[in-house]
């Protein structure tokens, strides 16, 4: 009886690990899509509302979900506190800190870091060009992430169960 319960626990744990890995592949395209939407909203704020950067970040943080909401909220707070750091440096530090909580990869982080190097430094039309470039690059990454999700999500779900069953078979 104890072997049976142990086997069930092993299979359950391996299956859970597989499902968690599959969920990681499912979250990435969604988070990229949220980020694209946020950058498009930022473009609108800069273009039509002529909103200052800290206010635009604060507004965006209320319109999107975590963990990306924290990215914009913390950036807004740090810009408003005006401790002498540049927008570029504040953005870089917060992106690197928040990135650990996302399912996105280094490519998306690099796009945001490149965008941060021009935010608040150039005129409105140049910032809009950089926002559109970032959106374009993120759309490419989203397409690739959807392809990865399609290829690997089902595989990880099955693999977790199969590895658990293999471990149980090898043990008994």
N, C-alpha and C. Protein backbone atom coordinates (compact mmCIF):
# COMPACT_ATOMS: atom_id res chain seq x y z
N UNK A 1 0.82 -1.20 0.00
CA UNK A 1 0.00 0.00 0.00
C UNK A 1 0.87 1.26 0.00
N UNK A 2 1.97 1.21 0.77
CA UNK A 2 2.85 2.35 0.85
C UNK A 2 3.53 2.62 -0.50
N UNK A 3 3.89 1.56 -1.21
CA UNK A 3 4.51 1.71 -2.53
C UNK A 3 3.52 2.37 -3.50
N UNK A 4 2.27 1.97 -3.41
CA UNK A 4 1.24 2.52 -4.28
C UNK A 4 1.07 4.02 -4.04
N UNK A 5 1.00 4.43 -2.80
CA UNK A 5 0.86 5.86 -2.45
C UNK A 5 2.10 6.63 -2.90
N UNK A 6 3.29 6.04 -2.68
CA UNK A 6 4.53 6.69 -3.13
C UNK A 6 4.56 6.85 -4.64
N UNK A 7 4.11 5.84 -5.35
CA UNK A 7 4.06 5.91 -6.82
C UNK A 7 3.12 7.01 -7.31
N UNK A 8 1.97 7.08 -6.67
CA UNK A 8 0.99 8.13 -7.03
C UNK A 8 1.58 9.51 -6.76
N UNK A 9 2.26 9.67 -5.63
CA UNK A 9 2.87 10.96 -5.30
C UNK A 9 3.96 11.34 -6.31
N UNK A 10 4.77 10.38 -6.71
CA UNK A 10 5.83 10.65 -7.69
C UNK A 10 5.23 11.05 -9.03
N UNK A 11 4.24 10.30 -9.48
CA UNK A 11 3.59 10.63 -10.75
C UNK A 11 2.92 12.00 -10.66
N UNK A 12 2.26 12.27 -9.54
CA UNK A 12 1.60 13.57 -9.35
C UNK A 12 2.59 14.72 -9.35
N UNK A 13 3.72 14.54 -8.66
CA UNK A 13 4.73 15.61 -8.61
C UNK A 13 5.34 15.86 -9.98
N UNK A 14 5.66 14.80 -10.70
CA UNK A 14 6.25 14.96 -12.04
C UNK A 14 5.26 15.60 -12.99
N UNK A 15 4.00 15.21 -12.88
CA UNK A 15 2.96 15.82 -13.73
C UNK A 15 2.82 17.30 -13.42
N UNK A 16 2.85 17.64 -12.15
CA UNK A 16 2.74 19.04 -11.73
C UNK A 16 3.91 19.85 -12.29
N UNK A 17 5.10 19.31 -12.23
CA UNK A 17 6.26 20.00 -12.79
C UNK A 17 6.07 20.23 -14.29
N UNK A 18 5.58 19.22 -14.98
CA UNK A 18 5.31 19.36 -16.42
C UNK A 18 4.29 20.45 -16.70
N UNK A 19 3.22 20.49 -15.90
CA UNK A 19 2.18 21.51 -16.10
C UNK A 19 2.70 22.91 -15.76
N UNK A 20 3.56 23.02 -14.76
CA UNK A 20 4.14 24.33 -14.44
C UNK A 20 5.03 24.83 -15.57
N UNK A 21 5.81 23.94 -16.15
CA UNK A 21 6.67 24.33 -17.28
C UNK A 21 5.81 24.71 -18.48
N UNK A 22 4.73 23.98 -18.72
CA UNK A 22 3.81 24.31 -19.82
C UNK A 22 3.16 25.68 -19.60
N UNK A 23 2.83 25.98 -18.34
CA UNK A 23 2.22 27.28 -18.03
C UNK A 23 3.19 28.42 -18.32
N UNK A 24 4.46 28.18 -18.13
CA UNK A 24 5.48 29.19 -18.44
C UNK A 24 5.43 29.52 -19.94
N UNK A 25 5.30 28.51 -20.78
CA UNK A 25 5.21 28.74 -22.22
C UNK A 25 3.91 29.44 -22.59
N UNK A 26 2.86 29.24 -21.83
CA UNK A 26 1.58 29.89 -22.11
C UNK A 26 1.57 31.34 -21.66
N UNK A 27 2.29 31.66 -20.58
CA UNK A 27 2.30 33.04 -20.06
C UNK A 27 3.12 33.99 -20.92
N UNK A 28 4.17 33.50 -21.53
CA UNK A 28 5.08 34.40 -22.28
C UNK A 28 4.36 35.18 -23.38
N UNK A 29 3.62 34.55 -24.31
CA UNK A 29 2.95 35.35 -25.34
C UNK A 29 1.94 36.33 -24.77
N UNK A 30 1.27 35.94 -23.68
CA UNK A 30 0.29 36.85 -23.07
C UNK A 30 0.98 38.08 -22.49
N UNK A 31 2.10 37.88 -21.84
CA UNK A 31 2.82 39.01 -21.25
C UNK A 31 3.40 39.91 -22.34
N UNK A 32 3.88 39.33 -23.42
CA UNK A 32 4.38 40.16 -24.53
C UNK A 32 3.25 40.98 -25.10
N UNK A 33 2.07 40.38 -25.26
CA UNK A 33 0.91 41.09 -25.79
C UNK A 33 0.53 42.26 -24.88
N UNK A 34 0.56 42.04 -23.57
CA UNK A 34 0.25 43.11 -22.61
C UNK A 34 1.28 44.23 -22.74
N UNK A 35 2.54 43.86 -22.90
CA UNK A 35 3.60 44.86 -23.04
C UNK A 35 3.42 45.66 -24.33
N UNK A 36 3.07 45.00 -25.41
CA UNK A 36 2.82 45.70 -26.69
C UNK A 36 1.67 46.69 -26.51
N UNK A 37 0.61 46.23 -25.88
CA UNK A 37 -0.54 47.10 -25.65
C UNK A 37 -0.15 48.31 -24.80
N UNK A 38 0.65 48.08 -23.77
CA UNK A 38 1.09 49.18 -22.90
C UNK A 38 1.92 50.19 -23.68
N UNK A 39 2.81 49.73 -24.52
CA UNK A 39 3.65 50.66 -25.29
C UNK A 39 2.81 51.43 -26.31
N UNK A 40 1.79 50.79 -26.87
CA UNK A 40 0.90 51.50 -27.78
C UNK A 40 0.09 52.56 -27.03
N UNK A 41 -0.32 52.25 -25.82
CA UNK A 41 -1.02 53.24 -25.00
C UNK A 41 -0.09 54.39 -24.62
N UNK A 42 1.16 54.06 -24.35
CA UNK A 42 2.13 55.11 -24.02
C UNK A 42 2.32 56.04 -25.22
N UNK A 43 2.36 55.46 -26.41
CA UNK A 43 2.47 56.28 -27.62
C UNK A 43 1.30 57.24 -27.73
N UNK A 44 0.11 56.76 -27.44
CA UNK A 44 -1.08 57.61 -27.47
C UNK A 44 -0.99 58.71 -26.43
N UNK A 45 -0.54 58.35 -25.23
CA UNK A 45 -0.39 59.35 -24.16
C UNK A 45 0.60 60.45 -24.57
N UNK A 46 1.70 60.05 -25.17
CA UNK A 46 2.73 61.02 -25.56
C UNK A 46 2.27 61.85 -26.75
N UNK A 47 1.60 61.20 -27.72
CA UNK A 47 1.21 61.88 -28.95
C UNK A 47 0.05 62.84 -28.75
N UNK A 48 -1.04 62.34 -28.19
CA UNK A 48 -2.27 63.12 -28.16
C UNK A 48 -2.51 63.85 -26.85
N UNK A 49 -2.19 63.20 -25.75
CA UNK A 49 -2.49 63.82 -24.46
C UNK A 49 -1.33 64.68 -23.96
N UNK A 50 -0.17 64.55 -24.59
CA UNK A 50 1.04 65.29 -24.20
C UNK A 50 1.34 65.10 -22.71
N UNK A 51 1.12 63.88 -22.24
CA UNK A 51 1.29 63.54 -20.83
C UNK A 51 2.78 63.42 -20.49
N UNK A 52 3.21 64.03 -19.39
CA UNK A 52 4.60 63.84 -18.95
C UNK A 52 4.86 62.37 -18.64
N UNK A 53 6.10 61.95 -18.80
CA UNK A 53 6.47 60.55 -18.67
C UNK A 53 6.06 59.92 -17.33
N UNK A 54 6.31 60.55 -16.19
CA UNK A 54 5.90 59.91 -14.92
C UNK A 54 4.39 59.67 -14.84
N UNK A 55 3.62 60.62 -15.33
CA UNK A 55 2.16 60.46 -15.31
C UNK A 55 1.71 59.39 -16.29
N UNK A 56 2.36 59.32 -17.45
CA UNK A 56 2.02 58.29 -18.43
C UNK A 56 2.31 56.90 -17.85
N UNK A 57 3.44 56.75 -17.17
CA UNK A 57 3.78 55.48 -16.54
C UNK A 57 2.76 55.12 -15.46
N UNK A 58 2.37 56.09 -14.65
CA UNK A 58 1.39 55.84 -13.59
C UNK A 58 0.05 55.41 -14.19
N UNK A 59 -0.36 56.07 -15.24
CA UNK A 59 -1.61 55.72 -15.91
C UNK A 59 -1.55 54.30 -16.48
N UNK A 60 -0.44 53.98 -17.11
CA UNK A 60 -0.28 52.64 -17.69
C UNK A 60 -0.31 51.56 -16.62
N UNK A 61 0.28 51.83 -15.49
CA UNK A 61 0.34 50.82 -14.43
C UNK A 61 -1.05 50.43 -13.93
N UNK A 62 -2.00 51.34 -14.07
CA UNK A 62 -3.37 51.05 -13.63
C UNK A 62 -4.17 50.30 -14.69
N UNK A 63 -3.66 50.28 -15.91
CA UNK A 63 -4.41 49.68 -17.02
C UNK A 63 -3.97 48.26 -17.36
N UNK A 64 -2.84 47.82 -16.83
CA UNK A 64 -2.34 46.49 -17.19
C UNK A 64 -2.17 45.63 -15.95
N UNK A 65 -1.92 44.36 -16.19
CA UNK A 65 -1.82 43.39 -15.09
C UNK A 65 -0.38 43.22 -14.62
N UNK A 66 -0.25 42.60 -13.47
CA UNK A 66 1.07 42.26 -12.93
C UNK A 66 1.69 41.16 -13.77
N UNK A 67 2.96 41.06 -13.83
CA UNK A 67 4.00 41.81 -13.15
C UNK A 67 4.40 43.10 -13.89
N UNK A 68 3.85 43.29 -15.10
CA UNK A 68 4.25 44.46 -15.88
C UNK A 68 3.70 45.76 -15.31
N UNK A 69 2.62 45.67 -14.57
CA UNK A 69 2.08 46.85 -13.92
C UNK A 69 3.11 47.45 -12.96
N UNK A 70 3.83 46.59 -12.26
CA UNK A 70 4.86 47.05 -11.32
C UNK A 70 5.98 47.79 -12.04
N UNK A 71 6.29 47.34 -13.24
CA UNK A 71 7.34 48.00 -14.03
C UNK A 71 7.02 49.47 -14.22
N UNK A 72 5.82 49.77 -14.64
CA UNK A 72 5.44 51.16 -14.90
C UNK A 72 5.18 51.93 -13.61
N UNK A 73 4.59 51.27 -12.63
CA UNK A 73 4.31 51.96 -11.35
C UNK A 73 5.60 52.36 -10.65
N UNK A 74 6.54 51.43 -10.54
CA UNK A 74 7.81 51.73 -9.87
C UNK A 74 8.61 52.79 -10.63
N UNK A 75 8.58 52.72 -11.95
CA UNK A 75 9.28 53.73 -12.74
C UNK A 75 8.68 55.10 -12.49
N UNK A 76 7.36 55.18 -12.47
CA UNK A 76 6.69 56.46 -12.21
C UNK A 76 7.07 56.99 -10.83
N UNK A 77 7.04 56.12 -9.82
CA UNK A 77 7.38 56.55 -8.47
C UNK A 77 8.81 57.05 -8.38
N UNK A 78 9.73 56.34 -9.00
CA UNK A 78 11.14 56.74 -8.95
C UNK A 78 11.38 58.04 -9.71
N UNK A 79 10.68 58.23 -10.83
CA UNK A 79 10.83 59.48 -11.59
C UNK A 79 10.27 60.66 -10.80
N UNK A 80 9.17 60.44 -10.11
CA UNK A 80 8.57 61.52 -9.32
C UNK A 80 9.38 61.86 -8.08
N UNK A 81 10.09 60.87 -7.55
CA UNK A 81 10.89 61.15 -6.36
C UNK A 81 12.13 61.97 -6.71
N UNK A 82 12.52 61.94 -7.96
CA UNK A 82 13.61 62.75 -8.51
C UNK A 82 14.85 62.76 -7.62
N UNK A 83 15.48 61.61 -7.52
CA UNK A 83 16.69 61.49 -6.71
C UNK A 83 17.96 61.80 -7.50
N UNK A 84 17.80 62.35 -8.68
CA UNK A 84 18.95 62.74 -9.50
C UNK A 84 19.35 61.70 -10.53
N UNK A 85 18.75 60.52 -10.49
CA UNK A 85 19.04 59.48 -11.48
C UNK A 85 18.37 59.83 -12.80
N UNK A 86 19.00 59.40 -13.87
CA UNK A 86 18.41 59.65 -15.19
C UNK A 86 17.27 58.67 -15.43
N UNK A 87 16.40 59.02 -16.36
CA UNK A 87 15.29 58.15 -16.73
C UNK A 87 15.83 56.82 -17.23
N UNK A 88 16.89 56.89 -18.01
CA UNK A 88 17.51 55.68 -18.56
C UNK A 88 17.97 54.75 -17.44
N UNK A 89 18.64 55.28 -16.43
CA UNK A 89 19.16 54.46 -15.34
C UNK A 89 18.02 53.88 -14.49
N UNK A 90 17.02 54.69 -14.20
CA UNK A 90 15.87 54.22 -13.42
C UNK A 90 15.18 53.09 -14.18
N UNK A 91 14.94 53.30 -15.46
CA UNK A 91 14.26 52.30 -16.29
C UNK A 91 15.07 51.00 -16.32
N UNK A 92 16.38 51.09 -16.50
CA UNK A 92 17.23 49.91 -16.58
C UNK A 92 17.17 49.11 -15.28
N UNK A 93 17.30 49.79 -14.15
CA UNK A 93 17.28 49.10 -12.86
C UNK A 93 15.94 48.41 -12.60
N UNK A 94 14.86 49.09 -12.91
CA UNK A 94 13.54 48.53 -12.63
C UNK A 94 13.22 47.39 -13.60
N UNK A 95 13.60 47.53 -14.86
CA UNK A 95 13.38 46.44 -15.82
C UNK A 95 14.12 45.19 -15.36
N UNK A 96 15.38 45.35 -14.98
CA UNK A 96 16.17 44.19 -14.53
C UNK A 96 15.58 43.57 -13.27
N UNK A 97 15.05 44.38 -12.38
CA UNK A 97 14.47 43.87 -11.14
C UNK A 97 13.15 43.14 -11.40
N UNK A 98 12.28 43.72 -12.19
CA UNK A 98 10.95 43.15 -12.46
C UNK A 98 11.05 41.92 -13.36
N UNK A 99 12.05 41.87 -14.21
CA UNK A 99 12.14 40.82 -15.23
C UNK A 99 12.14 39.41 -14.64
N UNK A 100 12.65 39.28 -13.43
CA UNK A 100 12.70 37.96 -12.78
C UNK A 100 11.30 37.40 -12.56
N UNK A 101 10.33 38.27 -12.44
CA UNK A 101 8.96 37.82 -12.16
C UNK A 101 8.14 37.57 -13.42
N UNK A 102 8.71 37.81 -14.58
CA UNK A 102 7.98 37.59 -15.82
C UNK A 102 8.37 36.26 -16.44
N UNK A 103 7.64 35.87 -17.46
CA UNK A 103 7.98 34.66 -18.22
C UNK A 103 8.69 35.02 -19.51
N UNK A 104 9.01 36.28 -19.68
CA UNK A 104 9.65 36.73 -20.91
C UNK A 104 11.15 36.45 -20.87
N UNK A 105 11.75 36.55 -22.03
CA UNK A 105 13.16 36.20 -22.18
C UNK A 105 14.02 37.44 -22.37
N UNK A 106 15.30 37.17 -22.58
CA UNK A 106 16.31 38.22 -22.73
C UNK A 106 16.02 39.12 -23.93
N UNK A 107 15.49 38.57 -25.02
CA UNK A 107 15.22 39.37 -26.22
C UNK A 107 14.23 40.49 -25.93
N UNK A 108 13.18 40.17 -25.19
CA UNK A 108 12.18 41.20 -24.86
C UNK A 108 12.78 42.23 -23.89
N UNK A 109 13.62 41.77 -22.99
CA UNK A 109 14.27 42.68 -22.05
C UNK A 109 15.17 43.66 -22.81
N UNK A 110 15.90 43.16 -23.79
CA UNK A 110 16.78 44.04 -24.57
C UNK A 110 15.99 45.11 -25.32
N UNK A 111 14.83 44.74 -25.83
CA UNK A 111 13.97 45.72 -26.52
C UNK A 111 13.59 46.84 -25.55
N UNK A 112 13.19 46.47 -24.33
CA UNK A 112 12.80 47.49 -23.35
C UNK A 112 13.99 48.33 -22.91
N UNK A 113 15.14 47.71 -22.75
CA UNK A 113 16.33 48.48 -22.34
C UNK A 113 16.74 49.47 -23.42
N UNK A 114 16.63 49.07 -24.68
CA UNK A 114 16.93 50.00 -25.77
C UNK A 114 15.94 51.14 -25.80
N UNK A 115 14.67 50.84 -25.55
CA UNK A 115 13.65 51.88 -25.50
C UNK A 115 13.93 52.85 -24.36
N UNK A 116 14.34 52.33 -23.24
CA UNK A 116 14.62 53.17 -22.07
C UNK A 116 15.75 54.16 -22.29
N UNK A 117 16.63 53.85 -23.22
CA UNK A 117 17.75 54.76 -23.47
C UNK A 117 17.33 56.06 -24.15
N UNK A 118 16.13 56.09 -24.73
CA UNK A 118 15.67 57.33 -25.39
C UNK A 118 14.49 57.99 -24.69
N UNK A 119 13.84 57.26 -23.78
CA UNK A 119 12.67 57.84 -23.10
C UNK A 119 13.08 59.05 -22.28
N UNK A 120 12.41 60.14 -22.52
CA UNK A 120 12.65 61.35 -21.75
C UNK A 120 13.85 62.16 -22.23
N UNK A 121 14.61 61.64 -23.19
CA UNK A 121 15.80 62.36 -23.65
C UNK A 121 15.61 63.06 -24.98
N UNK A 122 14.72 62.54 -25.79
CA UNK A 122 14.55 63.09 -27.14
C UNK A 122 13.20 63.77 -27.26
N UNK A 123 12.97 64.36 -28.42
CA UNK A 123 11.68 65.03 -28.63
C UNK A 123 10.57 63.99 -28.82
N UNK A 124 9.36 64.48 -28.83
CA UNK A 124 8.19 63.61 -28.87
C UNK A 124 8.18 62.72 -30.12
N UNK A 125 8.48 63.27 -31.27
CA UNK A 125 8.42 62.46 -32.50
C UNK A 125 9.47 61.35 -32.50
N UNK A 126 10.64 61.62 -31.95
CA UNK A 126 11.67 60.59 -31.87
C UNK A 126 11.27 59.49 -30.89
N UNK A 127 10.67 59.87 -29.79
CA UNK A 127 10.21 58.87 -28.83
C UNK A 127 9.12 57.98 -29.43
N UNK A 128 8.25 58.59 -30.22
CA UNK A 128 7.19 57.82 -30.88
C UNK A 128 7.79 56.82 -31.86
N UNK A 129 8.81 57.24 -32.60
CA UNK A 129 9.48 56.33 -33.53
C UNK A 129 10.09 55.15 -32.77
N UNK A 130 10.71 55.43 -31.64
CA UNK A 130 11.33 54.36 -30.86
C UNK A 130 10.26 53.45 -30.24
N UNK A 131 9.14 54.02 -29.82
CA UNK A 131 8.05 53.19 -29.30
C UNK A 131 7.51 52.26 -30.38
N UNK A 132 7.35 52.78 -31.58
CA UNK A 132 6.85 51.95 -32.69
C UNK A 132 7.86 50.86 -33.05
N UNK A 133 9.13 51.20 -33.01
CA UNK A 133 10.16 50.19 -33.27
C UNK A 133 10.11 49.09 -32.21
N UNK A 134 9.97 49.47 -30.96
CA UNK A 134 9.89 48.49 -29.87
C UNK A 134 8.66 47.61 -30.04
N UNK A 135 7.53 48.20 -30.40
CA UNK A 135 6.31 47.42 -30.62
C UNK A 135 6.52 46.43 -31.76
N UNK A 136 7.14 46.88 -32.82
CA UNK A 136 7.41 46.01 -33.96
C UNK A 136 8.31 44.83 -33.55
N UNK A 137 9.35 45.11 -32.80
CA UNK A 137 10.25 44.04 -32.36
C UNK A 137 9.54 43.08 -31.42
N UNK A 138 8.70 43.61 -30.54
CA UNK A 138 7.95 42.75 -29.62
C UNK A 138 6.91 41.90 -30.35
N UNK A 139 6.34 42.43 -31.42
CA UNK A 139 5.39 41.64 -32.20
C UNK A 139 6.09 40.44 -32.83
N UNK A 140 7.32 40.64 -33.28
CA UNK A 140 8.10 39.52 -33.82
C UNK A 140 8.35 38.49 -32.73
N UNK A 141 8.73 38.95 -31.55
CA UNK A 141 8.97 38.03 -30.42
C UNK A 141 7.68 37.32 -30.02
N UNK A 142 6.55 38.01 -30.10
CA UNK A 142 5.28 37.38 -29.75
C UNK A 142 4.96 36.25 -30.72
N UNK A 143 5.20 36.47 -31.99
CA UNK A 143 4.96 35.43 -32.99
C UNK A 143 5.82 34.20 -32.70
N UNK A 144 7.10 34.44 -32.38
CA UNK A 144 7.99 33.33 -32.06
C UNK A 144 7.55 32.62 -30.78
N UNK A 145 7.09 33.39 -29.79
CA UNK A 145 6.69 32.77 -28.53
C UNK A 145 5.41 31.95 -28.71
N UNK A 146 4.52 32.38 -29.57
CA UNK A 146 3.31 31.59 -29.84
C UNK A 146 3.68 30.27 -30.52
N UNK A 147 4.65 30.33 -31.41
CA UNK A 147 5.13 29.12 -32.07
C UNK A 147 5.75 28.17 -31.05
N UNK A 148 6.57 28.71 -30.16
CA UNK A 148 7.16 27.90 -29.09
C UNK A 148 6.08 27.30 -28.20
N UNK A 149 5.10 28.09 -27.87
CA UNK A 149 4.01 27.60 -27.03
C UNK A 149 3.31 26.44 -27.71
N UNK A 150 3.03 26.58 -28.99
CA UNK A 150 2.36 25.54 -29.74
C UNK A 150 3.19 24.25 -29.75
N UNK A 151 4.51 24.38 -29.89
CA UNK A 151 5.39 23.21 -29.95
C UNK A 151 5.62 22.56 -28.61
N UNK A 152 5.80 23.35 -27.56
CA UNK A 152 6.30 22.80 -26.31
C UNK A 152 5.28 22.64 -25.19
N UNK A 153 4.17 23.33 -25.24
CA UNK A 153 3.22 23.28 -24.12
C UNK A 153 2.67 21.86 -23.93
N UNK A 154 2.15 21.28 -24.98
CA UNK A 154 1.60 19.93 -24.88
C UNK A 154 2.68 18.91 -24.55
N UNK A 155 3.88 19.13 -25.12
CA UNK A 155 4.99 18.22 -24.87
C UNK A 155 5.32 18.16 -23.38
N UNK A 156 5.41 19.34 -22.72
CA UNK A 156 5.77 19.36 -21.30
C UNK A 156 4.69 18.72 -20.43
N UNK A 157 3.44 18.90 -20.79
CA UNK A 157 2.38 18.27 -20.02
C UNK A 157 2.51 16.74 -20.09
N UNK A 158 2.71 16.23 -21.28
CA UNK A 158 2.86 14.78 -21.44
C UNK A 158 4.16 14.28 -20.83
N UNK A 159 5.21 15.03 -21.02
CA UNK A 159 6.52 14.62 -20.52
C UNK A 159 6.54 14.50 -19.01
N UNK A 160 5.89 15.39 -18.31
CA UNK A 160 5.84 15.32 -16.85
C UNK A 160 5.20 14.01 -16.39
N UNK A 161 4.07 13.67 -16.99
CA UNK A 161 3.39 12.43 -16.63
C UNK A 161 4.24 11.22 -16.98
N UNK A 162 4.82 11.23 -18.17
CA UNK A 162 5.62 10.08 -18.60
C UNK A 162 6.88 9.89 -17.77
N UNK A 163 7.54 10.97 -17.40
CA UNK A 163 8.74 10.86 -16.56
C UNK A 163 8.36 10.33 -15.18
N UNK A 164 7.25 10.79 -14.65
CA UNK A 164 6.78 10.27 -13.37
C UNK A 164 6.51 8.77 -13.44
N UNK A 165 5.84 8.34 -14.52
CA UNK A 165 5.56 6.92 -14.69
C UNK A 165 6.85 6.12 -14.85
N UNK A 166 7.82 6.67 -15.59
CA UNK A 166 9.10 5.99 -15.77
C UNK A 166 9.84 5.82 -14.44
N UNK A 167 9.83 6.84 -13.63
CA UNK A 167 10.49 6.77 -12.31
C UNK A 167 9.83 5.69 -11.45
N UNK A 168 8.51 5.66 -11.47
CA UNK A 168 7.80 4.66 -10.68
C UNK A 168 8.11 3.26 -11.20
N UNK A 169 8.13 3.08 -12.51
CA UNK A 169 8.46 1.77 -13.08
C UNK A 169 9.87 1.34 -12.71
N UNK A 170 10.82 2.28 -12.80
CA UNK A 170 12.21 1.95 -12.48
C UNK A 170 12.39 1.65 -11.00
N UNK A 171 11.61 2.27 -10.15
CA UNK A 171 11.74 2.05 -8.71
C UNK A 171 11.17 0.70 -8.28
N UNK A 172 10.16 0.23 -9.00
CA UNK A 172 9.50 -1.01 -8.58
C UNK A 172 9.81 -2.05 -9.58
